[in-house]
Amino acid sequence: MAEEEQITKEEFVRRFVDEMVRLAGETDGNGESVRDYAADVAPTYFDDPDQRKYGPEDCAESDHDNWERADVQPV
């Protein structure tokens, strides 16, 4: 994961958002913007080195998997 250690925050957020939109679409089950949600959440993954090491796509997938387990969409 050496590549991910060198990634900038801006690149991490962009890739996280792109992956989240790919997985969930533009809006969630409540009609809210997935893009806005992902842009708000992505920095928290980047700021945690234990999360960041997995890369933005894996972090987005993990976050999305949590939606499915909870059977709810973020607000």
C-alpha atoms as a PDB file:
ATOM      1  CA  MET A   1       0.000   0.000   0.000  1.00  0.00           C
ATOM      2  CA  ALA A   2       2.980   2.327  -0.389  1.00  0.00           C
ATOM      3  CA  GLU A   3       1.155   4.129  -3.198  1.00  0.00           C
ATOM      4  CA  GLU A   4      -1.740   4.995  -0.871  1.00  0.00           C
ATOM      5  CA  GLU A   5       0.650   6.378   1.757  1.00  0.00           C
ATOM      6  CA  GLN A   6       1.767   8.983  -0.791  1.00  0.00           C
ATOM      7  CA  ILE A   7      -1.714  10.032  -1.901  1.00  0.00           C
ATOM      8  CA  THR A   8      -2.812  13.598  -1.201  1.00  0.00           C
ATOM      9  CA  LYS A   9      -5.955  14.310   0.773  1.00  0.00           C
ATOM     10  CA  GLU A  10      -7.564  15.891  -2.283  1.00  0.00           C
ATOM     11  CA  GLU A  11      -6.860  12.822  -4.435  1.00  0.00           C
ATOM     12  CA  PHE A  12      -8.078  10.478  -1.695  1.00  0.00           C
ATOM     13  CA  VAL A  13     -11.346  12.419  -1.369  1.00  0.00           C
ATOM     14  CA  ARG A  14     -11.867  12.549  -5.152  1.00  0.00           C
ATOM     15  CA  ARG A  15     -11.353   8.812  -5.539  1.00  0.00           C
ATOM     16  CA  PHE A  16     -13.476   8.004  -2.466  1.00  0.00           C
ATOM     17  CA  VAL A  17     -16.342  10.122  -3.830  1.00  0.00           C
ATOM     18  CA  ASP A  18     -16.072   8.573  -7.302  1.00  0.00           C
ATOM     19  CA  GLU A  19     -16.164   5.058  -5.856  1.00  0.00           C
ATOM     20  CA  MET A  20     -19.070   5.819  -3.537  1.00  0.00           C
ATOM     21  CA  VAL A  21     -21.104   7.247  -6.430  1.00  0.00           C
ATOM     22  CA  ARG A  22     -20.203   4.215  -8.545  1.00  0.00           C
ATOM     23  CA  LEU A  23     -21.443   1.902  -5.787  1.00  0.00           C
ATOM     24  CA  ALA A  24     -24.508   3.809  -4.614  1.00  0.00           C
ATOM     25  CA  GLY A  25     -25.523   6.131  -7.436  1.00  0.00           C
ATOM     26  CA  GLU A  26     -25.971   9.873  -7.267  1.00  0.00           C
ATOM     27  CA  THR A  27     -28.661   9.840  -4.562  1.00  0.00           C
ATOM     28  CA  ASP A  28     -29.345   7.627  -1.559  1.00  0.00           C
ATOM     29  CA  GLY A  29     -32.657   6.065  -0.548  1.00  0.00           C
ATOM     30  CA  ASN A  30     -33.733   9.372   0.989  1.00  0.00           C
ATOM     31  CA  GLY A  31     -33.015  11.359  -2.170  1.00  0.00           C
ATOM     32  CA  GLU A  32     -29.897  12.941  -0.627  1.00  0.00           C
ATOM     33  CA  SER A  33     -26.696  13.484  -2.588  1.00  0.00           C
ATOM     34  CA  VAL A  34     -24.275  10.579  -2.236  1.00  0.00           C
ATOM     35  CA  ARG A  35     -21.569  12.833  -3.641  1.00  0.00           C
ATOM     36  CA  ASP A  36     -22.070  15.368  -0.819  1.00  0.00           C
ATOM     37  CA  TYR A  37     -22.181  12.632   1.812  1.00  0.00           C
ATOM     38  CA  ALA A  38     -18.997  11.036   0.484  1.00  0.00           C
ATOM     39  CA  ALA A  39     -17.183  14.381   0.312  1.00  0.00           C
ATOM     40  CA  ASP A  40     -18.038  14.960   3.981  1.00  0.00           C
ATOM     41  CA  VAL A  41     -17.019  11.458   5.111  1.00  0.00           C
ATOM     42  CA  ALA A  42     -13.894  10.835   3.010  1.00  0.00           C
ATOM     43  CA  PRO A  43     -11.611  13.171   5.002  1.00  0.00           C
ATOM     44  CA  THR A  44     -12.310  11.184   8.170  1.00  0.00           C
ATOM     45  CA  TYR A  45     -10.943   8.071   6.476  1.00  0.00           C
ATOM     46  CA  PHE A  46      -7.905   9.955   5.187  1.00  0.00           C
ATOM     47  CA  ASP A  47      -7.173  11.476   8.588  1.00  0.00           C
ATOM     48  CA  ASP A  48      -6.996   8.023  10.200  1.00  0.00           C
ATOM     49  CA  PRO A  49      -3.758   6.337   9.067  1.00  0.00           C
ATOM     50  CA  ASP A  50      -5.214   2.918   9.915  1.00  0.00           C
ATOM     51  CA  GLN A  51      -8.035   3.571   7.430  1.00  0.00           C
ATOM     52  CA  ARG A  52      -6.031   5.539   4.846  1.00  0.00           C
ATOM     53  CA  LYS A  53      -3.652   2.605   4.311  1.00  0.00           C
ATOM     54  CA  TYR A  54      -6.485   0.644   2.659  1.00  0.00           C
ATOM     55  CA  GLY A  55      -6.963   3.300  -0.005  1.00  0.00           C
ATOM     56  CA  PRO A  56      -9.979   5.369  -0.975  1.00  0.00           C
ATOM     57  CA  GLU A  57     -11.800   2.718  -2.972  1.00  0.00           C
ATOM     58  CA  ASP A  58     -11.669   0.115  -0.206  1.00  0.00           C
ATOM     59  CA  CYS A  59     -12.721   2.718   2.362  1.00  0.00           C
ATOM     60  CA  ALA A  60     -15.680   3.743   0.193  1.00  0.00           C
ATOM     61  CA  GLU A  61     -16.678   0.111  -0.267  1.00  0.00           C
ATOM     62  CA  SER A  62     -16.484  -0.486   3.478  1.00  0.00           C
ATOM     63  CA  ASP A  63     -18.596   2.582   4.191  1.00  0.00           C
ATOM     64  CA  HIS A  64     -21.155   1.503   1.602  1.00  0.00           C
ATOM     65  CA  ASP A  65     -21.231  -2.031   3.041  1.00  0.00           C
ATOM     66  CA  ASN A  66     -22.207  -0.509   6.385  1.00  0.00           C
ATOM     67  CA  TRP A  67     -25.276   1.032   4.734  1.00  0.00           C
ATOM     68  CA  GLU A  68     -26.377  -2.360   3.503  1.00  0.00           C
ATOM     69  CA  ARG A  69     -25.829  -4.061   6.861  1.00  0.00           C
ATOM     70  CA  ALA A  70     -27.851  -1.400   8.617  1.00  0.00           C
ATOM     71  CA  ASP A  71     -30.443  -1.512   5.811  1.00  0.00           C
ATOM     72  CA  VAL A  72     -30.561   2.268   5.889  1.00  0.00           C
ATOM     73  CA  GLN A  73     -29.102   5.036   3.818  1.00  0.00           C
ATOM     74  CA  PRO A  74     -27.183   7.943   5.349  1.00  0.00           C
ATOM     75  CA  VAL A  75     -29.008  11.189   5.818  1.00  0.00           C
END
